C-alpha atoms as a PDB file:
ATOM      1  CA  MET A   1     -23.848  10.648  -7.380  1.00  0.00           C
ATOM      2  CA  ALA A   2     -22.385  11.104  -4.358  1.00  0.00           C
ATOM      3  CA  ASN A   3     -21.745   7.961  -3.225  1.00  0.00           C
ATOM      4  CA  ALA A   4     -19.965   4.775  -4.326  1.00  0.00           C
ATOM      5  CA  TRP A   5     -21.971   2.390  -1.149  1.00  0.00           C
ATOM      6  CA  GLU A   6     -24.438   3.330   0.887  1.00  0.00           C
ATOM      7  CA  ILE A   7     -25.268   0.746   3.575  1.00  0.00           C
ATOM      8  CA  GLU A   8     -28.455   0.462   5.319  1.00  0.00           C
ATOM      9  CA  GLN A   9     -27.496  -2.890   7.334  1.00  0.00           C
ATOM     10  CA  LEU A  10     -24.598  -5.764   6.457  1.00  0.00           C
ATOM     11  CA  THR A  11     -24.461  -8.979   8.452  1.00  0.00           C
ATOM     12  CA  VAL A  12     -21.837 -11.398   7.867  1.00  0.00           C
ATOM     13  CA  SER A  13     -22.710 -14.843  10.254  1.00  0.00           C
ATOM     14  CA  ALA A  14     -20.567 -17.471  10.906  1.00  0.00           C
ATOM     15  CA  GLN A  15     -21.685 -21.132  12.461  1.00  0.00           C
ATOM     16  CA  GLY A  16     -23.713 -18.841  14.198  1.00  0.00           C
ATOM     17  CA  ARG A  17     -21.157 -16.171  14.754  1.00  0.00           C
ATOM     18  CA  THR A  18     -21.721 -12.815  14.044  1.00  0.00           C
ATOM     19  CA  LEU A  19     -18.552 -11.431  12.340  1.00  0.00           C
ATOM     20  CA  VAL A  20     -19.481  -8.306  10.988  1.00  0.00           C
ATOM     21  CA  SER A  21     -22.932  -6.042  12.258  1.00  0.00           C
ATOM     22  CA  LEU A  22     -22.953  -2.581  11.191  1.00  0.00           C
ATOM     23  CA  GLY A  23     -25.431  -0.171   9.329  1.00  0.00           C
ATOM     24  CA  GLY A  24     -26.242   3.660   8.393  1.00  0.00           C
ATOM     25  CA  LEU A  25     -22.828   3.991   6.348  1.00  0.00           C
ATOM     26  CA  THR A  26     -21.460   5.667   3.404  1.00  0.00           C
ATOM     27  CA  VAL A  27     -18.184   5.528   1.320  1.00  0.00           C
ATOM     28  CA  PRO A  28     -17.963   8.745  -1.212  1.00  0.00           C
ATOM     29  CA  ARG A  29     -16.866   8.652  -5.045  1.00  0.00           C
ATOM     30  CA  GLY A  30     -13.227   8.841  -5.276  1.00  0.00           C
ATOM     31  CA  GLN A  31     -11.853   8.539  -1.824  1.00  0.00           C
ATOM     32  CA  LEU A  32      -9.463   5.871  -0.746  1.00  0.00           C
ATOM     33  CA  LEU A  33     -11.109   3.832   2.297  1.00  0.00           C
ATOM     34  CA  VAL A  34      -8.570   2.096   4.606  1.00  0.00           C
ATOM     35  CA  LEU A  35     -10.213  -0.970   6.567  1.00  0.00           C
ATOM     36  CA  ILE A  36      -8.097  -1.458   9.796  1.00  0.00           C
ATOM     37  CA  GLY A  37      -8.100  -3.217  13.433  1.00  0.00           C
ATOM     38  CA  PRO A  38      -6.776  -6.357  14.574  1.00  0.00           C
ATOM     39  CA  ASN A  39      -6.529  -9.658  13.821  1.00  0.00           C
ATOM     40  CA  GLY A  40     -10.507 -11.447  13.875  1.00  0.00           C
ATOM     41  CA  ALA A  41     -11.531  -7.899  13.486  1.00  0.00           C
ATOM     42  CA  GLY A  42     -14.005  -8.548  10.646  1.00  0.00           C
ATOM     43  CA  LYS A  43     -12.612  -6.464   8.124  1.00  0.00           C
ATOM     44  CA  SER A  44     -12.166  -8.666   5.037  1.00  0.00           C
ATOM     45  CA  SER A  45     -16.025 -10.072   5.911  1.00  0.00           C
ATOM     46  CA  LEU A  46     -16.727  -6.609   5.150  1.00  0.00           C
ATOM     47  CA  LEU A  47     -14.955  -6.168   2.517  1.00  0.00           C
ATOM     48  CA  ARG A  48     -16.622  -9.164   0.966  1.00  0.00           C
ATOM     49  CA  ALA A  49     -20.243  -8.067   1.631  1.00  0.00           C
ATOM     50  CA  MET A  50     -19.248  -5.574   0.499  1.00  0.00           C
ATOM     51  CA  ALA A  51     -18.340  -7.057  -2.634  1.00  0.00           C
ATOM     52  CA  GLY A  52     -21.845  -9.139  -2.910  1.00  0.00           C
ATOM     53  CA  PHE A  53     -19.965 -12.229  -1.829  1.00  0.00           C
ATOM     54  CA  ALA A  54     -20.628 -13.068   1.423  1.00  0.00           C
ATOM     55  CA  GLY A  55     -23.649 -11.812   4.073  1.00  0.00           C
ATOM     56  CA  GLN A  56     -27.060  -9.961   3.986  1.00  0.00           C
ATOM     57  CA  CYS A  57     -26.505  -6.341   2.415  1.00  0.00           C
ATOM     58  CA  ARG A  58     -29.057  -4.016   2.560  1.00  0.00           C
ATOM     59  CA  GLY A  59     -28.133  -0.863   0.833  1.00  0.00           C
ATOM     60  CA  ARG A  60     -27.117   0.317  -2.936  1.00  0.00           C
ATOM     61  CA  LEU A  61     -23.995   0.682  -4.493  1.00  0.00           C
ATOM     62  CA  LEU A  62     -23.513   2.859  -7.822  1.00  0.00           C
ATOM     63  CA  GLY A  63     -27.074   2.756  -7.619  1.00  0.00           C
ATOM     64  CA  ARG A  64     -27.688  -0.424  -8.021  1.00  0.00           C
ATOM     65  CA  ALA A  65     -29.397  -2.946  -4.800  1.00  0.00           C
ATOM     66  CA  MET A  66     -26.564  -4.516  -2.761  1.00  0.00           C
ATOM     67  CA  GLY A  67     -26.808  -8.352  -2.038  1.00  0.00           C
ATOM     68  CA  GLY A  68     -29.777 -10.297  -3.999  1.00  0.00           C
ATOM     69  CA  LYS A  69     -28.101 -11.569  -7.402  1.00  0.00           C
ATOM     70  CA  GLY A  70     -24.611  -9.944  -7.286  1.00  0.00           C
ATOM     71  CA  TYR A  71     -23.489  -7.043  -9.478  1.00  0.00           C
ATOM     72  CA  PRO A  72     -23.352  -6.786 -13.282  1.00  0.00           C
ATOM     73  CA  TYR A  73     -19.172  -7.372 -14.887  1.00  0.00           C
ATOM     74  CA  GLY A  74     -17.733  -3.969 -14.940  1.00  0.00           C
ATOM     75  CA  LEU A  75     -18.557  -2.171 -11.674  1.00  0.00           C
ATOM     76  CA  LEU A  76     -16.049  -3.402  -9.225  1.00  0.00           C
ATOM     77  CA  SER A  77     -12.614  -4.754  -9.004  1.00  0.00           C
ATOM     78  CA  TRP A  78     -11.478  -7.393  -6.614  1.00  0.00           C
ATOM     79  CA  VAL A  79      -8.020  -8.166  -5.765  1.00  0.00           C
ATOM     80  CA  ALA A  80      -8.207 -11.660  -2.900  1.00  0.00           C
ATOM     81  CA  GLN A  81      -5.523 -11.882  -0.222  1.00  0.00           C
ATOM     82  CA  HIS A  82      -4.735 -15.084  -1.280  1.00  0.00           C
ATOM     83  CA  GLU A  83      -4.811 -14.902  -5.032  1.00  0.00           C
ATOM     84  CA  THR A  84      -3.550 -18.418  -6.685  1.00  0.00           C
ATOM     85  CA  GLY A  85      -0.150 -18.837  -8.145  1.00  0.00           C
ATOM     86  CA  ASP A  86      -0.004 -21.881  -9.929  1.00  0.00           C
ATOM     87  CA  SER A  87      -2.009 -20.529 -13.562  1.00  0.00           C
ATOM     88  CA  PRO A  88       0.171 -21.615 -16.444  1.00  0.00           C
ATOM     89  CA  LEU A  89      -0.051 -18.479 -18.570  1.00  0.00           C
ATOM     90  CA  SER A  90       1.992 -16.093 -18.680  1.00  0.00           C
ATOM     91  CA  VAL A  91       2.105 -12.141 -16.811  1.00  0.00           C
ATOM     92  CA  ALA A  92       0.052 -10.425 -20.034  1.00  0.00           C
ATOM     93  CA  ASP A  93      -2.324 -13.047 -21.209  1.00  0.00           C
ATOM     94  CA  TYR A  94      -3.234 -13.324 -16.801  1.00  0.00           C
ATOM     95  CA  LEU A  95      -4.139  -9.541 -17.080  1.00  0.00           C
ATOM     96  CA  MET A  96      -5.592 -10.377 -20.237  1.00  0.00           C
ATOM     97  CA  LEU A  97      -8.797 -11.437 -18.241  1.00  0.00           C
ATOM     98  CA  GLY A  98      -8.884  -8.753 -16.455  1.00  0.00           C
ATOM     99  CA  ARG A  99     -10.481  -7.135 -19.604  1.00  0.00           C
ATOM    100  CA  ARG A 100     -13.192  -9.905 -19.909  1.00  0.00           C
ATOM    101  CA  PRO A 101     -15.450  -7.780 -19.142  1.00  0.00           C
ATOM    102  CA  ALA A 102     -15.329  -5.313 -21.558  1.00  0.00           C
ATOM    103  CA  LEU A 103     -14.790  -8.265 -23.813  1.00  0.00           C
ATOM    104  CA  GLY A 104     -17.648 -10.162 -23.612  1.00  0.00           C
ATOM    105  CA  LEU A 105     -18.279 -13.456 -24.753  1.00  0.00           C
ATOM    106  CA  LEU A 106     -17.529 -12.668 -29.038  1.00  0.00           C
ATOM    107  CA  ARG A 107     -14.715  -9.520 -29.149  1.00  0.00           C
ATOM    108  CA  LEU A 108     -11.086 -10.815 -28.958  1.00  0.00           C
ATOM    109  CA  PRO A 109      -8.775  -8.633 -27.014  1.00  0.00           C
ATOM    110  CA  ASP A 110      -8.098  -5.840 -29.595  1.00  0.00           C
ATOM    111  CA  ALA A 111      -4.758  -2.867 -29.882  1.00  0.00           C
ATOM    112  CA  ALA A 112      -6.746  -0.672 -26.588  1.00  0.00           C
ATOM    113  CA  ASP A 113      -6.865  -3.577 -24.641  1.00  0.00           C
ATOM    114  CA  HIS A 114      -3.037  -4.717 -25.074  1.00  0.00           C
ATOM    115  CA  ARG A 115      -2.171  -1.331 -24.590  1.00  0.00           C
ATOM    116  CA  ARG A 116      -4.355  -0.991 -21.287  1.00  0.00           C
ATOM    117  CA  VAL A 117      -2.030  -4.519 -19.893  1.00  0.00           C
ATOM    118  CA  ALA A 118       1.056  -2.878 -21.268  1.00  0.00           C
ATOM    119  CA  GLU A 119      -0.314  -0.258 -18.983  1.00  0.00           C
ATOM    120  CA  ALA A 120      -0.971  -2.148 -16.016  1.00  0.00           C
ATOM    121  CA  MET A 121       2.724  -3.769 -16.127  1.00  0.00           C
ATOM    122  CA  GLN A 122       3.856  -0.589 -16.800  1.00  0.00           C
ATOM    123  CA  VAL A 123       2.963   0.793 -13.128  1.00  0.00           C
ATOM    124  CA  MET A 124       2.877  -2.427 -11.263  1.00  0.00           C
ATOM    125  CA  GLU A 125       7.123  -2.674 -12.850  1.00  0.00           C
ATOM    126  CA  LEU A 126       5.468  -6.167 -14.223  1.00  0.00           C
ATOM    127  CA  THR A 127       7.039  -5.430 -17.936  1.00  0.00           C
ATOM    128  CA  PRO A 128      10.185  -7.428 -17.863  1.00  0.00           C
ATOM    129  CA  LEU A 129       7.792  -9.936 -16.499  1.00  0.00           C
ATOM    130  CA  ALA A 130       5.606 -10.106 -19.364  1.00  0.00           C
ATOM    131  CA  ALA A 131       6.309 -14.101 -20.923  1.00  0.00           C
ATOM    132  CA  GLN A 132       7.205 -15.243 -17.858  1.00  0.00           C
ATOM    133  CA  ARG A 133       4.399 -17.808 -16.539  1.00  0.00           C
ATOM    134  CA  VAL A 134       2.354 -16.853 -13.196  1.00  0.00           C
ATOM    135  CA  SER A 135       3.716 -19.904 -11.775  1.00  0.00           C
ATOM    136  CA  ARG A 136       7.366 -19.319 -11.365  1.00  0.00           C
ATOM    137  CA  LEU A 137       6.584 -15.648 -10.286  1.00  0.00           C
ATOM    138  CA  SER A 138       7.667 -14.702  -6.685  1.00  0.00           C
ATOM    139  CA  GLY A 139       4.939 -14.323  -4.076  1.00  0.00           C
ATOM    140  CA  GLY A 140       5.528 -10.520  -4.641  1.00  0.00           C
ATOM    141  CA  GLU A 141       5.338 -10.909  -7.767  1.00  0.00           C
ATOM    142  CA  ARG A 142       2.160 -12.688  -7.888  1.00  0.00           C
ATOM    143  CA  GLN A 143       0.697 -10.106  -5.568  1.00  0.00           C
ATOM    144  CA  ARG A 144       1.508  -7.393  -7.732  1.00  0.00           C
ATOM    145  CA  ALA A 145      -0.042  -9.460 -11.017  1.00  0.00           C
ATOM    146  CA  ALA A 146      -2.899  -9.442  -9.412  1.00  0.00           C
ATOM    147  CA  ILE A 147      -3.312  -6.277  -9.083  1.00  0.00           C
ATOM    148  CA  ALA A 148      -2.871  -5.667 -12.445  1.00  0.00           C
ATOM    149  CA  ARG A 149      -5.108  -7.588 -13.453  1.00  0.00           C
ATOM    150  CA  ALA A 150      -7.650  -5.633 -11.236  1.00  0.00           C
ATOM    151  CA  LEU A 151      -6.695  -2.618 -12.528  1.00  0.00           C
ATOM    152  CA  VAL A 152      -7.191  -3.542 -15.999  1.00  0.00           C
ATOM    153  CA  GLN A 153     -10.693  -4.099 -15.319  1.00  0.00           C
ATOM    154  CA  ASP A 154     -10.547  -0.182 -15.049  1.00  0.00           C
ATOM    155  CA  ALA A 155     -13.795  -0.559 -12.990  1.00  0.00           C
ATOM    156  CA  PRO A 156     -15.074   2.101 -11.079  1.00  0.00           C
ATOM    157  CA  CYS A 157     -15.368   0.667  -7.996  1.00  0.00           C
ATOM    158  CA  MET A 158     -12.170  -1.149  -6.369  1.00  0.00           C
ATOM    159  CA  LEU A 159     -11.689  -3.671  -3.284  1.00  0.00           C
ATOM    160  CA  LEU A 160      -8.406  -5.148  -2.490  1.00  0.00           C
ATOM    161  CA  ASP A 161      -8.128  -7.446   0.225  1.00  0.00           C
ATOM    162  CA  GLU A 162      -4.357  -6.692   2.135  1.00  0.00           C
ATOM    163  CA  PRO A 163      -2.821  -5.522  -1.120  1.00  0.00           C
ATOM    164  CA  SER A 164       0.118  -5.186   0.321  1.00  0.00           C
ATOM    165  CA  ASN A 165       0.762  -8.689   1.544  1.00  0.00           C
ATOM    166  CA  HIS A 166       3.972  -9.590  -0.034  1.00  0.00           C
ATOM    167  CA  LEU A 167       5.274  -6.588  -1.401  1.00  0.00           C
ATOM    168  CA  ASP A 168       8.178  -4.954  -0.360  1.00  0.00           C
ATOM    169  CA  ILE A 169       8.174  -1.365   0.649  1.00  0.00           C
ATOM    170  CA  ARG A 170       9.166   0.506  -2.572  1.00  0.00           C
ATOM    171  CA  HIS A 171       6.074  -1.497  -3.968  1.00  0.00           C
ATOM    172  CA  GLN A 172       3.957  -1.203  -1.505  1.00  0.00           C
ATOM    173  CA  ASN A 173       4.045   3.160  -0.814  1.00  0.00           C
ATOM    174  CA  LEU A 174       4.231   3.117  -5.199  1.00  0.00           C
ATOM    175  CA  LEU A 175       0.828   0.716  -4.637  1.00  0.00           C
ATOM    176  CA  MET A 176      -0.798   2.693  -1.831  1.00  0.00           C
ATOM    177  CA  GLN A 177       0.189   6.191  -4.679  1.00  0.00           C
ATOM    178  CA  HIS A 178      -1.567   4.537  -8.116  1.00  0.00           C
ATOM    179  CA  LEU A 179      -4.712   3.847  -5.684  1.00  0.00           C
ATOM    180  CA  LYS A 180      -4.728   7.685  -4.937  1.00  0.00           C
ATOM    181  CA  GLN A 181      -4.286   8.567  -8.147  1.00  0.00           C
ATOM    182  CA  LEU A 182      -7.173   6.459  -9.323  1.00  0.00           C
ATOM    183  CA  THR A 183      -9.350   8.372  -6.676  1.00  0.00           C
ATOM    184  CA  GLY A 184      -8.001  11.483  -8.201  1.00  0.00           C
ATOM    185  CA  GLN A 185     -10.049  10.701 -11.616  1.00  0.00           C
ATOM    186  CA  GLY A 186     -13.023   8.981  -9.753  1.00  0.00           C
ATOM    187  CA  ARG A 187     -12.708   5.565  -8.863  1.00  0.00           C
ATOM    188  CA  THR A 188     -13.848   4.660  -4.931  1.00  0.00           C
ATOM    189  CA  VAL A 189     -10.749   2.624  -3.707  1.00  0.00           C
ATOM    190  CA  VAL A 190     -11.841   0.308  -0.724  1.00  0.00           C
ATOM    191  CA  CYS A 191      -8.919  -1.915   0.828  1.00  0.00           C
ATOM    192  CA  VAL A 192      -7.913  -3.959   3.732  1.00  0.00           C
ATOM    193  CA  LEU A 193      -4.177  -2.537   5.352  1.00  0.00           C
ATOM    194  CA  HIS A 194      -2.320  -3.805   8.253  1.00  0.00           C
ATOM    195  CA  ASP A 195       0.425  -2.138   8.373  1.00  0.00           C
ATOM    196  CA  LEU A 196      -1.278   1.850  10.154  1.00  0.00           C
ATOM    197  CA  GLN A 197       1.382   3.580   8.992  1.00  0.00           C
ATOM    198  CA  LEU A 198       0.862   3.410   5.533  1.00  0.00           C
ATOM    199  CA  ALA A 199      -2.517   3.126   5.394  1.00  0.00           C
ATOM    200  CA  ALA A 200      -2.434   7.174   7.393  1.00  0.00           C
ATOM    201  CA  ASN A 201      -0.005   8.172   5.022  1.00  0.00           C
ATOM    202  CA  HIS A 202      -2.170   7.327   2.010  1.00  0.00           C
ATOM    203  CA  ALA A 203      -6.189   7.126   2.918  1.00  0.00           C
ATOM    204  CA  ASP A 204      -8.402   9.488   2.660  1.00  0.00           C
ATOM    205  CA  GLN A 205     -10.631   7.669   5.663  1.00  0.00           C
ATOM    206  CA  LEU A 206      -9.788   5.186   7.919  1.00  0.00           C
ATOM    207  CA  TRP A 207     -12.488   2.420   9.720  1.00  0.00           C
ATOM    208  CA  LEU A 208     -11.052   0.809  12.797  1.00  0.00           C
ATOM    209  CA  LEU A 209     -13.006  -2.229  13.109  1.00  0.00           C
ATOM    210  CA  ALA A 210     -12.540  -4.830  16.303  1.00  0.00           C
ATOM    211  CA  ASP A 211     -14.802  -7.902  17.271  1.00  0.00           C
ATOM    212  CA  GLY A 212     -17.360  -7.015  13.821  1.00  0.00           C
ATOM    213  CA  VAL A 213     -17.760  -3.638  15.056  1.00  0.00           C
ATOM    214  CA  LEU A 214     -17.359  -0.430  13.553  1.00  0.00           C
ATOM    215  CA  ARG A 215     -15.397   1.141  16.666  1.00  0.00           C
ATOM    216  CA  CYS A 216     -14.181   4.947  14.733  1.00  0.00           C
ATOM    217  CA  ARG A 217     -14.444   6.577  11.443  1.00  0.00           C
ATOM    218  CA  GLY A 218     -13.223   9.630   9.754  1.00  0.00           C
ATOM    219  CA  THR A 219     -10.002  11.152   8.424  1.00  0.00           C
ATOM    220  CA  PRO A 220      -6.620  10.130   9.576  1.00  0.00           C
ATOM    221  CA  PRO A 221      -6.055  12.561  12.063  1.00  0.00           C
ATOM    222  CA  GLU A 222      -9.992  11.474  14.015  1.00  0.00           C
ATOM    223  CA  VAL A 223      -8.726   8.185  14.163  1.00  0.00           C
ATOM    224  CA  LEU A 224      -5.115   7.458  14.694  1.00  0.00           C
ATOM    225  CA  THR A 225      -5.925  10.660  17.680  1.00  0.00           C
ATOM    226  CA  HIS A 226      -8.990   8.778  18.750  1.00  0.00           C
ATOM    227  CA  PRO A 227      -8.811   6.743  22.645  1.00  0.00           C
ATOM    228  CA  VAL A 228      -9.994   3.524  21.365  1.00  0.00           C
ATOM    229  CA  LEU A 229      -6.863   2.552  18.811  1.00  0.00           C
ATOM    230  CA  ALA A 230      -5.091   1.143  21.515  1.00  0.00           C
ATOM    231  CA  GLU A 231      -7.871  -0.248  23.206  1.00  0.00           C
ATOM    232  CA  ALA A 232      -8.545  -1.752  19.523  1.00  0.00           C
ATOM    233  CA  TYR A 233      -5.495  -3.230  18.762  1.00  0.00           C
ATOM    234  CA  ARG A 234      -5.333  -4.007  23.218  1.00  0.00           C
ATOM    235  CA  TRP A 235      -1.487  -2.243  22.403  1.00  0.00           C
ATOM    236  CA  PRO A 236      -0.056   0.549  23.622  1.00  0.00           C
ATOM    237  CA  ILE A 237       0.004   2.332  20.217  1.00  0.00           C
ATOM    238  CA  GLN A 238       0.322   6.120  19.651  1.00  0.00           C
ATOM    239  CA  ALA A 239       0.306   8.235  16.199  1.00  0.00           C
ATOM    240  CA  VAL A 240       3.138  10.775  15.395  1.00  0.00           C
ATOM    241  CA  ALA A 241       2.121  13.578  12.718  1.00  0.00           C
ATOM    242  CA  GLY A 242       5.271  14.862  11.139  1.00  0.00           C
ATOM    243  CA  ALA A 243       6.280  18.192  11.834  1.00  0.00           C
ATOM    244  CA  GLY A 244       5.786  19.541   8.465  1.00  0.00           C
ATOM    245  CA  ALA A 245       3.901  19.311   5.405  1.00  0.00           C
ATOM    246  CA  GLY A 246       4.228  15.825   3.464  1.00  0.00           C
ATOM    247  CA  GLN A 247       6.514  14.667   6.292  1.00  0.00           C
ATOM    248  CA  GLY A 248       3.129  12.030   7.189  1.00  0.00           C
ATOM    249  CA  TRP A 249       2.866   9.796   9.808  1.00  0.00           C
ATOM    250  CA  SER A 250       4.845   7.780  12.293  1.00  0.00           C
ATOM    251  CA  ILE A 251       3.326   4.901  13.956  1.00  0.00           C
ATOM    252  CA  VAL A 252       5.069   3.232  17.100  1.00  0.00           C
ATOM    253  CA  SER A 253       4.856   1.589  20.305  1.00  0.00           C
ATOM    254  CA  ASN A 254       4.546   3.770  23.620  1.00  0.00           C
ATOM    255  CA  PRO A 255       8.381   3.857  24.592  1.00  0.00           C
ATOM    256  CA  GLN A 256       7.431   3.104  27.722  1.00  0.00           C
ATOM    257  CA  ALA A 257       5.843   0.230  27.780  1.00  0.00           C
ATOM    258  CA  GLY A 258       9.116  -0.924  27.246  1.00  0.00           C
ATOM    259  CA  SER A 259       8.276  -2.532  23.105  1.00  0.00           C
ATOM    260  CA  GLY A 260      10.153   0.161  20.967  1.00  0.00           C
ATOM    261  CA  MET A 261       8.455  -2.112  18.442  1.00  0.00           C
ATOM    262  CA  ALA A 262       6.760  -0.832  15.358  1.00  0.00           C
ATOM    263  CA  ALA A 263       2.478  -1.044  15.934  1.00  0.00           C
ATOM    264  CA  ARG A 264       1.599  -3.392  13.297  1.00  0.00           C
ATOM    265  CA  GLY A 265      -2.788  -4.585  12.651  1.00  0.00           C
END
């Protein structure tokens, strides 16, 4: 199967206002797609609709009809923008919740499940905190725990709403590197990011939204040099590609605009 998502029509509305409206889009399997755009562009609404949580959708996810009664357990994993942080569970037990689709109603966690949780804790650098209560973690640690819980599901598709929130620069890049590794294993990842430089240096595809409309899509070089980029953000953004291989992109404001600040969505 070539595509993870095949979207024919997707609309999200609230209080008589259309938040997102688009159609005729596909998300290829094994790619890292990043949704970018200014505040209120419709990125989170689109992501929630792709997860089956909101909106009206026509299309298919891994061959199954979108919308309706939702998706079977194990088809996709989800990381919300604001995860609850008051869980009394330990980090290890909190991550084991992500194995619930595989465990079903009767099976107890076995050695393989515990090993998968240990691997996710290692990836997100949570191993020293395994016995710590989630409620006592810092904001960044809670975010890493939420991401690790999604990782242990081993779902073919992952949706993450601003997963770099609260993370320092090291953990932001480690996260994106790991998500990229997952796509190399055939999994599909869609996430919302406000950090354009982080998106540019790791994404296979970028979708730029503004006012609920998809303004531009393509590879980072195609989107970041598109004239609608600065228009969508209403800010004089410049995207500068690295001079050599592996040097990545730099996203800066136009120095002639007098700001000199890094551009953030």
